[in-house]
Amino acid sequence: MKILQGVEDIVRESCLNSSFYSATSWTHSKNVAEISRKLAAKNKGDQLIAYAAGLLHDIGSVRYGRENHHWTGARDAVVVLRGLGFTPSFIAKVCHCIYVHRSSVRIEYKSQEAKWVAAADAIDHFVMVDEMIAVTKRDMHLSESKAKIYLLKKFKRDWQKIPDSIKPLVQRDYKAAMLRIQKPRLF
């Protein structure tokens, strides 16, 4: 989406230079943006808002770490989008999506785009399970058994934020992710 090229550039740069997360965070951000856009298109939502929010959903995590990244990400998205000339209405809608995307923080979705961004985040977690395992062990300084417990809980929360209408489409990925985490040895 050409209109969002500036956002892509800023997110890519932040991901690739992050002291908190590896370069896989850029791949994850792009995947979440694209899945969000597709879900919005399929459900007659605003594809531009969904795509922008998908790109920016983890910017707080990339820049400042996991803690409260939904809040720091929404805060930074205001600065990024304002600097690129987006309207206050657009910025507010994107920031709402970012603010409510976390499965560990229960905040009501006030738009369908917010629901799609949260679902896209979960869906991508299921397909990048090996990266999730590595990041959890390394960045959270967890033993193998504690990483397994953490990710099992996280993926169960992620599953809950996926709308019922989409669950049949991603159930195989979810089950495969849960099996992968439960293997006796992670690495």
N, C-alpha and C. Protein backbone atom coordinates (compact mmCIF):
# COMPACT_ATOMS: atom_id res chain seq x y z
N MET A 1 0.85 -1.17 0.00
CA MET A 1 0.00 0.00 0.00
C MET A 1 0.90 1.24 0.00
N LYS A 2 0.96 1.86 -1.14
CA LYS A 2 1.88 2.97 -1.36
C LYS A 2 1.71 4.11 -0.36
N ILE A 3 0.49 4.42 0.01
CA ILE A 3 0.24 5.52 0.93
C ILE A 3 0.87 5.28 2.31
N LEU A 4 1.13 4.01 2.62
CA LEU A 4 1.71 3.67 3.91
C LEU A 4 3.21 3.35 3.83
N GLN A 5 3.85 3.71 2.71
CA GLN A 5 5.27 3.41 2.56
C GLN A 5 6.11 4.03 3.67
N GLY A 6 5.79 5.25 4.08
CA GLY A 6 6.52 5.90 5.17
C GLY A 6 6.39 5.14 6.48
N VAL A 7 5.19 4.62 6.74
CA VAL A 7 4.97 3.82 7.95
C VAL A 7 5.80 2.54 7.87
N GLU A 8 5.76 1.88 6.72
CA GLU A 8 6.55 0.67 6.54
C GLU A 8 8.03 0.94 6.79
N ASP A 9 8.53 2.03 6.24
CA ASP A 9 9.95 2.36 6.40
C ASP A 9 10.32 2.57 7.88
N ILE A 10 9.48 3.27 8.61
CA ILE A 10 9.74 3.54 10.03
C ILE A 10 9.68 2.26 10.85
N VAL A 11 8.67 1.43 10.59
CA VAL A 11 8.54 0.18 11.34
C VAL A 11 9.71 -0.76 11.01
N ARG A 12 10.06 -0.89 9.74
CA ARG A 12 11.18 -1.75 9.34
C ARG A 12 12.46 -1.30 10.04
N GLU A 13 12.74 -0.01 10.00
CA GLU A 13 13.95 0.53 10.63
C GLU A 13 13.95 0.25 12.13
N SER A 14 12.81 0.46 12.79
CA SER A 14 12.71 0.20 14.23
C SER A 14 12.94 -1.28 14.54
N CYS A 15 12.36 -2.16 13.72
CA CYS A 15 12.51 -3.60 13.95
C CYS A 15 13.95 -4.05 13.74
N LEU A 16 14.55 -3.60 12.67
CA LEU A 16 15.90 -4.07 12.35
C LEU A 16 16.96 -3.51 13.29
N ASN A 17 16.65 -2.42 13.97
CA ASN A 17 17.60 -1.81 14.92
C ASN A 17 17.19 -1.99 16.38
N SER A 18 16.26 -2.89 16.63
CA SER A 18 15.74 -3.08 17.98
C SER A 18 16.75 -3.78 18.88
N SER A 19 16.87 -3.27 20.10
CA SER A 19 17.70 -3.97 21.08
C SER A 19 16.85 -4.96 21.88
N PHE A 20 15.53 -4.97 21.63
CA PHE A 20 14.63 -5.86 22.35
C PHE A 20 14.27 -7.11 21.55
N TYR A 21 14.07 -6.97 20.24
CA TYR A 21 13.63 -8.10 19.44
C TYR A 21 14.46 -8.23 18.18
N SER A 22 14.45 -9.43 17.64
CA SER A 22 15.25 -9.72 16.45
C SER A 22 14.56 -9.23 15.19
N ALA A 23 15.23 -9.46 14.09
CA ALA A 23 14.69 -9.04 12.79
C ALA A 23 13.38 -9.75 12.45
N THR A 24 13.06 -10.83 13.14
CA THR A 24 11.78 -11.51 12.87
C THR A 24 10.59 -10.62 13.23
N SER A 25 10.83 -9.59 14.03
CA SER A 25 9.73 -8.68 14.38
C SER A 25 9.25 -7.92 13.13
N TRP A 26 10.14 -7.66 12.18
CA TRP A 26 9.72 -7.00 10.94
C TRP A 26 8.83 -7.95 10.13
N THR A 27 9.25 -9.21 10.02
CA THR A 27 8.45 -10.19 9.31
C THR A 27 7.07 -10.33 9.97
N HIS A 28 7.05 -10.38 11.29
CA HIS A 28 5.79 -10.49 12.02
C HIS A 28 4.91 -9.27 11.76
N SER A 29 5.47 -8.08 11.81
CA SER A 29 4.69 -6.86 11.57
C SER A 29 4.10 -6.85 10.17
N LYS A 30 4.88 -7.22 9.18
CA LYS A 30 4.39 -7.28 7.80
C LYS A 30 3.29 -8.34 7.66
N ASN A 31 3.50 -9.49 8.27
CA ASN A 31 2.49 -10.56 8.20
C ASN A 31 1.18 -10.11 8.84
N VAL A 32 1.26 -9.50 10.03
CA VAL A 32 0.06 -9.06 10.72
C VAL A 32 -0.65 -7.98 9.90
N ALA A 33 0.11 -7.08 9.29
CA ALA A 33 -0.49 -6.04 8.44
C ALA A 33 -1.25 -6.66 7.27
N GLU A 34 -0.63 -7.60 6.62
CA GLU A 34 -1.26 -8.22 5.44
C GLU A 34 -2.47 -9.06 5.82
N ILE A 35 -2.36 -9.84 6.89
CA ILE A 35 -3.51 -10.64 7.34
C ILE A 35 -4.65 -9.71 7.77
N SER A 36 -4.32 -8.64 8.48
CA SER A 36 -5.34 -7.67 8.92
C SER A 36 -6.05 -7.06 7.72
N ARG A 37 -5.28 -6.68 6.71
CA ARG A 37 -5.86 -6.08 5.50
C ARG A 37 -6.82 -7.06 4.82
N LYS A 38 -6.39 -8.31 4.71
CA LYS A 38 -7.23 -9.32 4.05
C LYS A 38 -8.51 -9.57 4.83
N LEU A 39 -8.41 -9.62 6.15
CA LEU A 39 -9.61 -9.82 6.97
C LEU A 39 -10.55 -8.63 6.85
N ALA A 40 -9.99 -7.43 6.84
CA ALA A 40 -10.82 -6.23 6.66
C ALA A 40 -11.50 -6.24 5.30
N ALA A 41 -10.77 -6.61 4.26
CA ALA A 41 -11.35 -6.65 2.91
C ALA A 41 -12.49 -7.67 2.84
N LYS A 42 -12.26 -8.83 3.40
CA LYS A 42 -13.27 -9.88 3.37
C LYS A 42 -14.53 -9.48 4.13
N ASN A 43 -14.37 -8.64 5.14
CA ASN A 43 -15.50 -8.25 5.99
C ASN A 43 -15.94 -6.80 5.78
N LYS A 44 -15.55 -6.22 4.65
CA LYS A 44 -15.95 -4.86 4.27
C LYS A 44 -15.51 -3.80 5.29
N GLY A 45 -14.33 -4.01 5.85
CA GLY A 45 -13.75 -3.05 6.79
C GLY A 45 -12.80 -2.11 6.08
N ASP A 46 -12.19 -1.24 6.83
CA ASP A 46 -11.24 -0.27 6.28
C ASP A 46 -9.85 -0.92 6.20
N GLN A 47 -9.46 -1.25 4.98
CA GLN A 47 -8.19 -1.95 4.77
C GLN A 47 -6.98 -1.11 5.14
N LEU A 48 -7.07 0.19 4.92
CA LEU A 48 -5.94 1.08 5.22
C LEU A 48 -5.70 1.15 6.73
N ILE A 49 -6.76 1.29 7.49
CA ILE A 49 -6.62 1.31 8.95
C ILE A 49 -6.08 -0.03 9.44
N ALA A 50 -6.63 -1.13 8.95
CA ALA A 50 -6.20 -2.45 9.38
C ALA A 50 -4.73 -2.69 9.04
N TYR A 51 -4.32 -2.29 7.85
CA TYR A 51 -2.93 -2.50 7.43
C TYR A 51 -1.98 -1.65 8.27
N ALA A 52 -2.31 -0.38 8.44
CA ALA A 52 -1.45 0.51 9.24
C ALA A 52 -1.33 0.02 10.67
N ALA A 53 -2.46 -0.37 11.26
CA ALA A 53 -2.43 -0.87 12.64
C ALA A 53 -1.65 -2.18 12.74
N GLY A 54 -1.78 -3.03 11.73
CA GLY A 54 -1.00 -4.27 11.72
C GLY A 54 0.50 -4.00 11.68
N LEU A 55 0.90 -3.04 10.85
CA LEU A 55 2.32 -2.67 10.80
C LEU A 55 2.81 -2.17 12.15
N LEU A 56 2.02 -1.32 12.78
CA LEU A 56 2.45 -0.62 13.99
C LEU A 56 2.11 -1.35 15.29
N HIS A 57 1.42 -2.48 15.23
CA HIS A 57 0.88 -3.08 16.46
C HIS A 57 1.94 -3.42 17.51
N ASP A 58 3.15 -3.74 17.11
CA ASP A 58 4.22 -4.09 18.07
C ASP A 58 5.34 -3.05 18.13
N ILE A 59 5.10 -1.86 17.63
CA ILE A 59 6.17 -0.85 17.62
C ILE A 59 6.63 -0.52 19.04
N GLY A 60 5.72 -0.53 19.98
CA GLY A 60 6.10 -0.29 21.38
C GLY A 60 7.00 -1.38 21.92
N SER A 61 6.72 -2.61 21.56
CA SER A 61 7.52 -3.75 21.99
C SER A 61 8.92 -3.69 21.39
N VAL A 62 8.98 -3.35 20.13
CA VAL A 62 10.25 -3.26 19.42
C VAL A 62 11.13 -2.14 20.00
N ARG A 63 10.50 -1.04 20.34
CA ARG A 63 11.26 0.12 20.82
C ARG A 63 11.55 0.10 22.32
N TYR A 64 10.61 -0.45 23.12
CA TYR A 64 10.74 -0.31 24.58
C TYR A 64 10.63 -1.62 25.34
N GLY A 65 10.32 -2.72 24.67
CA GLY A 65 10.14 -4.00 25.34
C GLY A 65 8.66 -4.35 25.48
N ARG A 66 8.40 -5.58 25.90
CA ARG A 66 7.05 -6.12 25.96
C ARG A 66 6.12 -5.42 26.93
N GLU A 67 6.64 -5.02 28.05
CA GLU A 67 5.81 -4.44 29.11
C GLU A 67 5.00 -3.25 28.59
N ASN A 68 3.71 -3.33 28.69
CA ASN A 68 2.79 -2.26 28.27
C ASN A 68 2.99 -1.82 26.82
N HIS A 69 3.41 -2.74 25.96
CA HIS A 69 3.70 -2.34 24.58
C HIS A 69 2.45 -1.92 23.82
N HIS A 70 1.30 -2.33 24.27
CA HIS A 70 0.06 -1.86 23.63
C HIS A 70 -0.11 -0.35 23.86
N TRP A 71 0.29 0.11 25.02
CA TRP A 71 0.19 1.54 25.35
C TRP A 71 1.32 2.34 24.69
N THR A 72 2.57 1.86 24.84
CA THR A 72 3.69 2.59 24.23
C THR A 72 3.59 2.59 22.71
N GLY A 73 3.05 1.49 22.16
CA GLY A 73 2.87 1.43 20.71
C GLY A 73 1.84 2.42 20.20
N ALA A 74 0.71 2.51 20.91
CA ALA A 74 -0.32 3.48 20.50
C ALA A 74 0.22 4.89 20.62
N ARG A 75 0.96 5.16 21.67
CA ARG A 75 1.56 6.48 21.87
C ARG A 75 2.52 6.82 20.72
N ASP A 76 3.40 5.88 20.38
CA ASP A 76 4.36 6.14 19.30
C ASP A 76 3.67 6.22 17.94
N ALA A 77 2.59 5.47 17.76
CA ALA A 77 1.87 5.51 16.48
C ALA A 77 1.30 6.91 16.23
N VAL A 78 0.87 7.58 17.28
CA VAL A 78 0.37 8.96 17.13
C VAL A 78 1.47 9.83 16.54
N VAL A 79 2.66 9.72 17.08
CA VAL A 79 3.79 10.54 16.61
C VAL A 79 4.15 10.19 15.17
N VAL A 80 4.25 8.90 14.88
CA VAL A 80 4.61 8.45 13.53
C VAL A 80 3.58 8.93 12.51
N LEU A 81 2.32 8.65 12.78
CA LEU A 81 1.27 8.97 11.81
C LEU A 81 1.05 10.47 11.67
N ARG A 82 1.14 11.20 12.76
CA ARG A 82 1.02 12.67 12.69
C ARG A 82 2.16 13.24 11.85
N GLY A 83 3.36 12.71 12.08
CA GLY A 83 4.53 13.18 11.32
C GLY A 83 4.43 12.91 9.84
N LEU A 84 3.65 11.90 9.47
CA LEU A 84 3.46 11.57 8.05
C LEU A 84 2.22 12.22 7.45
N GLY A 85 1.53 13.03 8.25
CA GLY A 85 0.41 13.81 7.74
C GLY A 85 -0.95 13.14 7.72
N PHE A 86 -1.12 12.05 8.45
CA PHE A 86 -2.43 11.40 8.51
C PHE A 86 -3.40 12.22 9.36
N THR A 87 -4.68 12.04 9.12
CA THR A 87 -5.71 12.82 9.81
C THR A 87 -5.87 12.35 11.25
N PRO A 88 -6.35 13.23 12.13
CA PRO A 88 -6.59 12.82 13.52
C PRO A 88 -7.57 11.64 13.62
N SER A 89 -8.57 11.59 12.78
CA SER A 89 -9.54 10.49 12.81
C SER A 89 -8.86 9.16 12.46
N PHE A 90 -8.07 9.15 11.41
CA PHE A 90 -7.34 7.96 11.01
C PHE A 90 -6.40 7.51 12.14
N ILE A 91 -5.67 8.45 12.71
CA ILE A 91 -4.72 8.15 13.78
C ILE A 91 -5.45 7.53 14.98
N ALA A 92 -6.58 8.09 15.36
CA ALA A 92 -7.33 7.57 16.51
C ALA A 92 -7.78 6.13 16.26
N LYS A 93 -8.23 5.84 15.06
CA LYS A 93 -8.71 4.49 14.73
C LYS A 93 -7.56 3.48 14.73
N VAL A 94 -6.43 3.86 14.17
CA VAL A 94 -5.26 2.98 14.16
C VAL A 94 -4.78 2.75 15.59
N CYS A 95 -4.72 3.80 16.38
CA CYS A 95 -4.23 3.68 17.76
C CYS A 95 -5.15 2.81 18.61
N HIS A 96 -6.44 2.88 18.36
CA HIS A 96 -7.36 1.99 19.10
C HIS A 96 -7.02 0.53 18.79
N CYS A 97 -6.79 0.22 17.54
CA CYS A 97 -6.44 -1.16 17.15
C CYS A 97 -5.18 -1.63 17.87
N ILE A 98 -4.19 -0.77 17.92
CA ILE A 98 -2.93 -1.12 18.58
C ILE A 98 -3.15 -1.31 20.08
N TYR A 99 -3.91 -0.41 20.67
CA TYR A 99 -4.12 -0.44 22.11
C TYR A 99 -4.85 -1.69 22.58
N VAL A 100 -5.74 -2.24 21.77
CA VAL A 100 -6.54 -3.39 22.21
C VAL A 100 -6.05 -4.74 21.65
N HIS A 101 -4.92 -4.78 20.95
CA HIS A 101 -4.54 -6.01 20.26
C HIS A 101 -4.03 -7.14 21.17
N ARG A 102 -3.60 -6.86 22.37
CA ARG A 102 -2.99 -7.86 23.23
C ARG A 102 -4.02 -8.82 23.82
N SER A 103 -3.67 -10.10 23.83
CA SER A 103 -4.58 -11.10 24.41
C SER A 103 -4.52 -11.10 25.93
N SER A 104 -3.43 -10.60 26.50
CA SER A 104 -3.29 -10.60 27.96
C SER A 104 -3.95 -9.38 28.61
N VAL A 105 -4.39 -8.44 27.80
CA VAL A 105 -5.07 -7.25 28.31
C VAL A 105 -6.45 -7.20 27.67
N ARG A 106 -7.47 -7.34 28.46
CA ARG A 106 -8.84 -7.37 27.95
C ARG A 106 -9.42 -5.96 27.87
N ILE A 107 -9.48 -5.44 26.67
CA ILE A 107 -10.08 -4.14 26.41
C ILE A 107 -11.05 -4.34 25.24
N GLU A 108 -12.20 -3.73 25.33
CA GLU A 108 -13.24 -3.92 24.32
C GLU A 108 -12.81 -3.38 22.95
N TYR A 109 -13.08 -4.17 21.92
CA TYR A 109 -12.86 -3.72 20.55
C TYR A 109 -13.98 -2.76 20.18
N LYS A 110 -13.63 -1.57 19.73
CA LYS A 110 -14.65 -0.60 19.32
C LYS A 110 -14.78 -0.50 17.81
N SER A 111 -14.05 -1.36 17.10
CA SER A 111 -14.15 -1.39 15.64
C SER A 111 -13.86 -2.80 15.17
N GLN A 112 -14.36 -3.11 14.00
CA GLN A 112 -14.05 -4.43 13.46
C GLN A 112 -12.58 -4.51 13.07
N GLU A 113 -11.98 -3.39 12.69
CA GLU A 113 -10.56 -3.40 12.35
C GLU A 113 -9.72 -3.81 13.55
N ALA A 114 -10.10 -3.35 14.74
CA ALA A 114 -9.37 -3.74 15.96
C ALA A 114 -9.45 -5.25 16.17
N LYS A 115 -10.62 -5.82 15.91
CA LYS A 115 -10.81 -7.26 16.04
C LYS A 115 -9.93 -8.01 15.04
N TRP A 116 -9.83 -7.47 13.83
CA TRP A 116 -9.03 -8.16 12.80
C TRP A 116 -7.54 -8.07 13.09
N VAL A 117 -7.08 -6.94 13.61
CA VAL A 117 -5.65 -6.81 13.94
C VAL A 117 -5.29 -7.78 15.07
N ALA A 118 -6.13 -7.86 16.10
CA ALA A 118 -5.87 -8.79 17.20
C ALA A 118 -5.86 -10.23 16.70
N ALA A 119 -6.80 -10.56 15.83
CA ALA A 119 -6.85 -11.91 15.26
C ALA A 119 -5.62 -12.19 14.40
N ALA A 120 -5.23 -11.24 13.58
CA ALA A 120 -4.06 -11.41 12.72
C ALA A 120 -2.80 -11.64 13.53
N ASP A 121 -2.65 -10.92 14.62
CA ASP A 121 -1.51 -11.10 15.51
C ASP A 121 -1.47 -12.53 16.02
N ALA A 122 -2.60 -13.02 16.48
CA ALA A 122 -2.68 -14.40 16.98
C ALA A 122 -2.37 -15.41 15.88
N ILE A 123 -2.96 -15.21 14.72
CA ILE A 123 -2.76 -16.14 13.60
C ILE A 123 -1.28 -16.23 13.24
N ASP A 124 -0.61 -15.10 13.19
CA ASP A 124 0.82 -15.14 12.85
C ASP A 124 1.64 -15.80 13.94
N HIS A 125 1.25 -15.66 15.19
CA HIS A 125 1.95 -16.37 16.26
C HIS A 125 1.92 -17.87 16.02
N PHE A 126 0.79 -18.38 15.56
CA PHE A 126 0.64 -19.82 15.36
C PHE A 126 1.55 -20.34 14.24
N VAL A 127 1.82 -19.52 13.24
CA VAL A 127 2.64 -20.00 12.12
C VAL A 127 4.12 -19.69 12.32
N MET A 128 4.46 -18.87 13.30
CA MET A 128 5.88 -18.59 13.56
C MET A 128 6.27 -19.13 14.94
N VAL A 129 5.78 -20.31 15.24
CA VAL A 129 5.94 -20.88 16.57
C VAL A 129 7.41 -21.06 16.97
N ASP A 130 8.26 -21.49 16.05
CA ASP A 130 9.67 -21.67 16.41
C ASP A 130 10.32 -20.35 16.82
N GLU A 131 9.99 -19.27 16.10
CA GLU A 131 10.50 -17.96 16.48
C GLU A 131 9.95 -17.53 17.83
N MET A 132 8.68 -17.84 18.09
CA MET A 132 8.07 -17.51 19.38
C MET A 132 8.79 -18.23 20.52
N ILE A 133 9.12 -19.49 20.29
CA ILE A 133 9.84 -20.26 21.30
C ILE A 133 11.20 -19.63 21.57
N ALA A 134 11.94 -19.33 20.51
CA ALA A 134 13.28 -18.76 20.67
C ALA A 134 13.23 -17.40 21.38
N VAL A 135 12.31 -16.56 20.98
CA VAL A 135 12.19 -15.23 21.60
C VAL A 135 11.81 -15.36 23.07
N THR A 136 10.89 -16.25 23.36
CA THR A 136 10.44 -16.43 24.74
C THR A 136 11.58 -16.89 25.63
N LYS A 137 12.33 -17.86 25.17
CA LYS A 137 13.46 -18.36 25.97
C LYS A 137 14.53 -17.29 26.13
N ARG A 138 14.90 -16.66 25.04
CA ARG A 138 16.00 -15.70 25.06
C ARG A 138 15.62 -14.39 25.73
N ASP A 139 14.57 -13.77 25.25
CA ASP A 139 14.25 -12.40 25.69
C ASP A 139 13.57 -12.35 27.05
N MET A 140 12.89 -13.41 27.42
CA MET A 140 12.23 -13.43 28.73
C MET A 140 13.05 -14.20 29.75
N HIS A 141 14.19 -14.73 29.30
CA HIS A 141 15.12 -15.46 30.18
C HIS A 141 14.41 -16.59 30.93
N LEU A 142 13.68 -17.40 30.17
CA LEU A 142 12.93 -18.50 30.75
C LEU A 142 13.58 -19.84 30.43
N SER A 143 13.47 -20.77 31.35
CA SER A 143 13.90 -22.14 31.09
C SER A 143 12.97 -22.74 30.04
N GLU A 144 13.36 -23.88 29.54
CA GLU A 144 12.52 -24.55 28.54
C GLU A 144 11.13 -24.84 29.08
N SER A 145 11.05 -25.39 30.28
CA SER A 145 9.74 -25.75 30.82
C SER A 145 8.88 -24.52 31.09
N LYS A 146 9.48 -23.43 31.57
CA LYS A 146 8.70 -22.21 31.82
C LYS A 146 8.30 -21.54 30.51
N ALA A 147 9.14 -21.63 29.51
CA ALA A 147 8.79 -21.09 28.19
C ALA A 147 7.59 -21.84 27.62
N LYS A 148 7.58 -23.16 27.78
CA LYS A 148 6.46 -23.97 27.30
C LYS A 148 5.16 -23.56 27.99
N ILE A 149 5.23 -23.43 29.29
CA ILE A 149 4.02 -23.05 30.05
C ILE A 149 3.54 -21.68 29.62
N TYR A 150 4.46 -20.73 29.50
CA TYR A 150 4.09 -19.38 29.07
C TYR A 150 3.42 -19.40 27.70
N LEU A 151 4.03 -20.09 26.75
CA LEU A 151 3.49 -20.09 25.38
C LEU A 151 2.18 -20.87 25.27
N LEU A 152 2.03 -21.93 26.03
CA LEU A 152 0.74 -22.64 26.03
C LEU A 152 -0.37 -21.70 26.48
N LYS A 153 -0.13 -20.96 27.53
CA LYS A 153 -1.13 -20.00 28.03
C LYS A 153 -1.37 -18.88 27.02
N LYS A 154 -0.27 -18.38 26.44
CA LYS A 154 -0.39 -17.30 25.47
C LYS A 154 -1.19 -17.74 24.24
N PHE A 155 -0.89 -18.91 23.72
CA PHE A 155 -1.59 -19.38 22.53
C PHE A 155 -3.07 -19.65 22.83
N LYS A 156 -3.37 -20.10 24.03
CA LYS A 156 -4.77 -20.28 24.40
C LYS A 156 -5.48 -18.93 24.45
N ARG A 157 -4.81 -17.90 24.99
CA ARG A 157 -5.39 -16.55 24.98
C ARG A 157 -5.52 -16.04 23.55
N ASP A 158 -4.50 -16.28 22.74
CA ASP A 158 -4.55 -15.86 21.34
C ASP A 158 -5.75 -16.50 20.63
N TRP A 159 -5.98 -17.78 20.90
CA TRP A 159 -7.10 -18.48 20.27
C TRP A 159 -8.42 -17.80 20.62
N GLN A 160 -8.53 -17.32 21.85
CA GLN A 160 -9.77 -16.68 22.30
C GLN A 160 -10.03 -15.35 21.59
N LYS A 161 -9.00 -14.68 21.11
CA LYS A 161 -9.23 -13.40 20.45
C LYS A 161 -9.54 -13.53 18.95
N ILE A 162 -9.55 -14.75 18.46
CA ILE A 162 -9.90 -14.99 17.06
C ILE A 162 -11.41 -15.15 16.96
N PRO A 163 -12.06 -14.37 16.11
CA PRO A 163 -13.52 -14.50 15.95
C PRO A 163 -13.91 -15.91 15.50
N ASP A 164 -15.04 -16.38 15.99
CA ASP A 164 -15.52 -17.73 15.67
C ASP A 164 -15.60 -17.98 14.16
N SER A 165 -15.93 -16.94 13.41
CA SER A 165 -16.07 -17.10 11.96
C SER A 165 -14.74 -17.44 11.28
N ILE A 166 -13.62 -17.13 11.92
CA ILE A 166 -12.30 -17.36 11.34
C ILE A 166 -11.65 -18.63 11.90
N LYS A 167 -12.06 -19.06 13.06
CA LYS A 167 -11.42 -20.20 13.72
C LYS A 167 -11.29 -21.43 12.82
N PRO A 168 -12.32 -21.81 12.05
CA PRO A 168 -12.14 -23.00 11.20
C PRO A 168 -10.99 -22.86 10.19
N LEU A 169 -10.70 -21.64 9.78
CA LEU A 169 -9.65 -21.40 8.79
C LEU A 169 -8.25 -21.55 9.39
N VAL A 170 -8.11 -21.35 10.70
CA VAL A 170 -6.78 -21.38 11.32
C VAL A 170 -6.64 -22.46 12.40
N GLN A 171 -7.66 -23.29 12.53
CA GLN A 171 -7.63 -24.32 13.58
C GLN A 171 -6.45 -25.27 13.41
N ARG A 172 -6.13 -25.63 12.17
CA ARG A 172 -5.00 -26.53 11.92
C ARG A 172 -3.69 -25.89 12.38
N ASP A 173 -3.49 -24.59 12.10
CA ASP A 173 -2.27 -23.90 12.54
C ASP A 173 -2.20 -23.84 14.06
N TYR A 174 -3.34 -23.57 14.70
CA TYR A 174 -3.38 -23.51 16.16
C TYR A 174 -3.01 -24.86 16.77
N LYS A 175 -3.62 -25.93 16.27
CA LYS A 175 -3.33 -27.26 16.80
C LYS A 175 -1.87 -27.64 16.57
N ALA A 176 -1.34 -27.30 15.41
CA ALA A 176 0.07 -27.60 15.12
C ALA A 176 0.99 -26.82 16.05
N ALA A 177 0.66 -25.56 16.33
CA ALA A 177 1.47 -24.75 17.24
C ALA A 177 1.44 -25.35 18.64
N MET A 178 0.27 -25.75 19.10
CA MET A 178 0.15 -26.34 20.44
C MET A 178 0.94 -27.65 20.53
N LEU A 179 0.90 -28.46 19.48
CA LEU A 179 1.68 -29.70 19.47
C LEU A 179 3.18 -29.41 19.46
N ARG A 180 3.58 -28.42 18.68
CA ARG A 180 5.00 -28.07 18.59
C ARG A 180 5.54 -27.63 19.95
N ILE A 181 4.76 -26.85 20.67
CA ILE A 181 5.19 -26.38 21.99
C ILE A 181 5.27 -27.53 22.98
N GLN A 182 4.44 -28.53 22.82
CA GLN A 182 4.40 -29.63 23.78
C GLN A 182 5.41 -30.73 23.50
N LYS A 183 6.21 -30.58 22.44
CA LYS A 183 7.24 -31.57 22.17
C LYS A 183 8.20 -31.63 23.36
N PRO A 184 8.79 -32.81 23.62
CA PRO A 184 9.67 -32.95 24.78
C PRO A 184 10.86 -31.98 24.78
N ARG A 185 11.46 -31.73 23.63
CA ARG A 185 12.60 -30.80 23.56
C ARG A 185 12.24 -29.68 22.60
N LEU A 186 12.45 -28.44 23.03
CA LEU A 186 12.18 -27.30 22.14
C LEU A 186 13.26 -27.17 21.09
N PHE A 187 14.50 -27.36 21.48
CA PHE A 187 15.63 -27.26 20.55
C PHE A 187 16.59 -28.38 20.79
